[in-house]
Structures are given as C-alpha cells and as structure tokens.
Protein backbone atom coordinates (compact mmCIF):
# COMPACT_ATOMS: atom_id res chain seq x y z
CA SER A 1 -22.66 -10.37 16.29
CA VAL A 2 -24.45 -13.46 16.49
CA LEU A 3 -26.54 -14.84 13.74
CA TYR A 4 -29.24 -17.66 14.81
CA VAL A 5 -29.91 -19.88 11.56
CA ARG A 6 -31.17 -23.41 10.99
CA ASP A 7 -28.55 -24.32 8.62
CA ALA A 8 -24.95 -23.11 9.67
CA GLU A 9 -23.32 -24.66 6.52
CA ARG A 10 -25.52 -22.45 4.30
CA LEU A 11 -24.53 -19.32 6.51
CA ARG A 12 -20.60 -20.43 6.31
CA ARG A 13 -21.03 -20.63 2.38
CA VAL A 14 -22.47 -16.96 2.19
CA PHE A 15 -19.71 -15.54 4.33
CA THR A 16 -16.26 -17.61 3.68
CA LEU A 17 -13.62 -15.50 2.01
CA VAL A 18 -11.71 -18.63 0.63
CA PRO A 19 -12.41 -18.92 -3.10
CA GLU A 20 -13.56 -22.00 -4.53
CA TYR A 21 -9.97 -22.69 -6.37
CA LEU A 22 -8.04 -22.98 -3.08
CA ARG A 23 -10.63 -24.77 -1.20
CA GLY A 24 -9.24 -28.34 -2.25
CA ASP A 25 -10.82 -31.74 -1.42
CA THR A 26 -9.98 -31.55 2.26
CA ILE A 27 -12.82 -31.57 5.04
CA GLU A 28 -11.96 -28.87 7.59
CA ALA A 29 -11.14 -30.31 11.02
CA GLU A 30 -11.91 -26.99 12.93
CA LYS A 31 -14.31 -24.19 12.36
CA ASN A 32 -13.23 -21.00 11.07
CA TYR A 33 -15.73 -18.59 12.69
CA MET A 34 -14.62 -15.87 10.34
CA ASP A 35 -16.80 -17.73 7.87
CA TYR A 36 -20.07 -17.46 10.10
CA GLY A 37 -20.52 -14.04 10.32
CA ILE A 38 -20.36 -10.62 9.07
CA GLN A 39 -17.51 -9.20 11.17
CA LEU A 40 -15.14 -11.64 10.00
CA GLY A 41 -12.41 -12.04 12.59
CA ARG A 42 -12.85 -8.75 14.06
CA ARG A 43 -11.32 -8.34 17.50
CA PHE A 44 -12.74 -7.83 20.77
CA ARG A 45 -12.29 -4.14 21.15
CA ALA A 46 -14.76 -3.46 24.12
CA LEU A 47 -12.50 -5.10 26.62
CA LYS A 48 -9.81 -2.53 26.02
CA ALA A 49 -12.35 0.38 26.30
CA TRP A 50 -13.92 -0.98 29.75
CA VAL A 51 -10.29 -1.35 31.23
CA ILE A 52 -9.82 2.09 30.72
CA TRP A 53 -13.03 3.20 32.01
CA ARG A 54 -12.92 0.97 34.96
CA SER A 55 -9.16 2.06 35.65
CA LEU A 56 -9.35 6.05 34.77
CA GLY A 57 -12.81 6.67 35.38
CA ARG A 58 -14.89 9.56 33.53
CA VAL A 59 -12.83 12.32 35.48
CA GLY A 60 -9.40 10.63 34.63
CA ILE A 61 -10.54 10.16 30.89
CA VAL A 62 -11.78 13.56 30.76
CA ALA A 63 -8.62 14.80 32.27
CA ARG A 64 -6.32 12.76 29.91
CA LEU A 65 -8.08 14.33 26.88
CA ARG A 66 -7.77 17.82 28.24
CA GLU A 67 -3.85 17.33 28.77
CA GLN A 68 -3.69 15.83 25.29
CA VAL A 69 -5.34 18.90 23.69
CA ARG A 70 -3.09 21.34 26.04
CA MET A 71 -0.14 19.68 24.79
CA THR A 72 -1.30 19.55 21.05
CA ASN A 73 -1.93 23.36 21.30
CA LEU A 74 1.39 23.74 22.77
CA LEU A 75 2.88 22.09 19.79
CA VAL A 76 1.08 24.11 17.42
CA SER A 77 2.25 27.31 19.27
CA TRP A 78 5.84 25.97 18.82
CA ILE A 79 5.17 25.04 14.81
CA ASN A 80 3.70 28.70 14.34
CA ALA A 81 6.64 30.51 16.19
CA ASP A 82 9.13 29.10 13.63
CA ASP A 83 8.89 30.40 10.44
CA ARG A 84 10.62 27.33 9.04
CA PHE A 85 7.59 25.19 9.66
CA GLU A 86 3.78 25.11 8.81
CA LEU A 87 0.89 23.50 9.92
CA ALA A 88 -0.59 21.36 7.11
CA ALA A 89 -3.95 20.83 8.33
CA PRO A 90 -6.19 21.99 11.09
CA VAL A 91 -5.51 20.53 14.45
CA SER A 92 -8.53 19.42 16.11
CA MET A 93 -7.34 16.66 18.64
CA GLY A 94 -4.43 14.91 19.34
CA VAL A 95 -2.71 14.67 15.61
CA VAL A 96 -0.74 17.25 14.00
CA CYS A 97 0.34 17.51 10.70
CA PHE A 98 2.90 19.77 9.69
CA ARG A 99 5.84 20.49 7.26
CA PHE A 100 9.54 21.96 7.12
CA VAL A 101 9.19 24.79 4.42
CA GLY A 102 12.98 26.09 4.89
CA ASP A 103 13.85 29.64 5.22
CA ALA A 104 11.23 32.47 4.33
CA ALA A 105 13.00 33.43 0.93
CA PRO A 106 10.97 34.54 -1.72
CA SER A 107 9.33 31.78 -3.75
CA PRO A 108 10.71 31.19 -7.15
CA ARG A 109 8.87 32.48 -9.72
CA GLY A 110 7.27 30.35 -12.56
CA GLN A 111 5.12 27.05 -12.02
CA ARG A 112 8.49 24.87 -13.26
CA ALA A 113 10.28 26.59 -10.23
CA ALA A 114 7.54 26.44 -7.71
CA ARG A 115 7.05 22.73 -8.52
CA GLY A 116 10.53 21.91 -8.38
CA ARG A 117 10.53 23.76 -4.81
CA ALA A 118 7.83 21.71 -3.77
CA VAL A 119 9.28 18.64 -4.50
CA SER A 120 12.49 19.82 -2.90
CA ILE A 121 10.75 20.29 0.18
CA ASP A 122 8.94 17.13 0.40
CA LYS A 123 12.30 15.40 0.11
CA LEU A 124 13.50 17.58 3.14
CA ASN A 125 10.38 16.45 5.03
CA SER A 126 11.17 13.00 4.31
CA GLU A 127 14.60 13.08 5.18
CA ILE A 128 14.02 14.92 8.53
CA MET A 129 11.61 12.30 9.32
CA GLU A 130 14.03 9.24 8.16
CA ARG A 131 17.00 10.92 10.25
CA ILE A 132 14.89 11.48 13.06
CA ASN A 133 13.22 7.87 13.10
CA ALA A 134 16.73 6.24 12.45
CA SER A 135 18.23 7.63 15.63
CA GLY A 136 15.60 6.10 17.64
CA ARG A 137 15.22 9.27 19.73
CA ALA A 138 11.72 10.09 18.42
CA TYR A 139 9.43 8.54 16.10
CA LEU A 140 7.26 10.44 13.33
CA THR A 141 5.04 9.19 10.62
CA GLN A 142 4.66 11.00 7.37
CA THR A 143 1.69 11.14 5.04
CA LYS A 144 0.77 12.91 1.94
CA LEU A 145 -1.93 15.75 2.44
CA ARG A 146 -3.13 17.57 -0.98
CA GLY A 147 -0.09 16.07 -2.63
CA ARG A 148 2.47 17.43 -0.18
CA THR A 149 4.88 15.37 2.05
CA VAL A 150 4.05 16.26 5.83
CA MET A 151 5.33 15.03 8.98
CA ARG A 152 2.59 13.75 11.58
CA ILE A 153 3.14 13.87 15.53
CA GLY A 154 0.05 11.66 17.33
CA LEU A 155 -0.33 12.54 21.32
CA GLY A 156 -2.28 9.40 22.09
CA ASN A 157 0.09 7.78 24.79
CA VAL A 158 -1.28 8.48 28.09
CA LEU A 159 2.72 8.30 29.36
CA THR A 160 3.62 11.15 26.83
CA THR A 161 4.53 14.19 28.94
CA GLU A 162 5.06 17.82 28.06
CA GLU A 163 9.09 17.24 28.66
CA HIS A 164 8.57 14.19 26.09
CA LEU A 165 6.99 16.78 23.51
CA ARG A 166 9.39 19.35 24.21
CA LYS A 167 12.44 17.01 23.49
CA ALA A 168 10.75 15.79 20.25
CA TRP A 169 10.44 19.30 18.90
CA GLU A 170 13.99 19.93 19.86
CA ILE A 171 15.05 16.95 17.92
CA ILE A 172 12.94 17.93 14.90
CA ARG A 173 14.37 21.47 14.93
CA GLU A 174 18.05 20.31 14.99
CA THR A 175 17.30 17.64 12.35
CA ALA A 176 15.92 20.48 10.50
CA ASP A 177 19.02 22.44 10.89
CA ALA A 178 21.29 19.60 9.94
CA VAL A 179 19.49 18.81 6.19
C-alpha cells in the first residue's frame, strides 16, 4: 500500500514498531520502510501467484487442484480402511488430520481410564511422527485438535505423486506397527 502524506516523519512516528526506550540518541541513516505503512515489511507475494498463473495457466491450475483433491481422497480412503487410524477432522482440500488409535479393543470404563488411554494414544501419535521425521523418509507435522494430538499430511507440493503418498502411508503404517 502507498500512503501519500505531506509529513513523512509524522507517518513514521505513527507506524514505527521500535519502542521509545530502544531508540536511543542515534539518527537513522537509512529508512526502514516498515515504519511508513500499514503492512509493515510484508513480502511481495503477488509475484509468486503471477509466476504460477503464467507457467501453469488456468487449465494447469485446475488440473493440479483436481489431482490434489484426488490424492487427498485416496489417503482418506486408506485411513478409513485401517481400523487402527481415524480421521480427526473433516477433509475439504489438501490437508488431512488423522490419528493412530491402536487396535479396536473396547475402551476402558470410567473417566480416569478413558483419560489415561487418550493421553497414551496422544503420546503414541507423537512418537510415530517423531520416528518418521527422524528417519528422513517422510515428513509429517502434528497439531492439537479438541485437545488431542493428531498427525497432519499436507498435499500442496506440485511434485508430489501418488507413489510418494503411497510410500508415506506405508511408512506411517510400518512405524505404527513398531511402536
């Protein structure tokens, strides 16, 4: 954004992020443009979008999105087919949140036992993710959803293929078997 003003120093004083006690007595030799606008030092992201649009075009972008959704649905079907895993959130695009829940043994009775099992499953999910990431064969992230630890797979890279996804799922299942 560009702001046209008569007194640039007044604009700088309004938008500066450096607190008074850190300013000192020195005079700045260079202008820090984050002090002159609303967006601070926000990156120029439009260039990335323009390059993608220019190189892939509308047809290419649509094809890539369709492929991403197809692979996402494929991963969802694999998760649903394995009773040891469950989806942790509805899937709408390329991010799948899921968790390892172990064997389909009956849940323990009582709140304390159920809470203990939930904590144990959270630890298993963290351990699975840490082992996979430490191996360097795949990379997962984790987050908390409704207080539970879940693993995440994001399918946004244009170079990701179904074979990559299949191998990642195989690694996840093998690691779950090992813990």
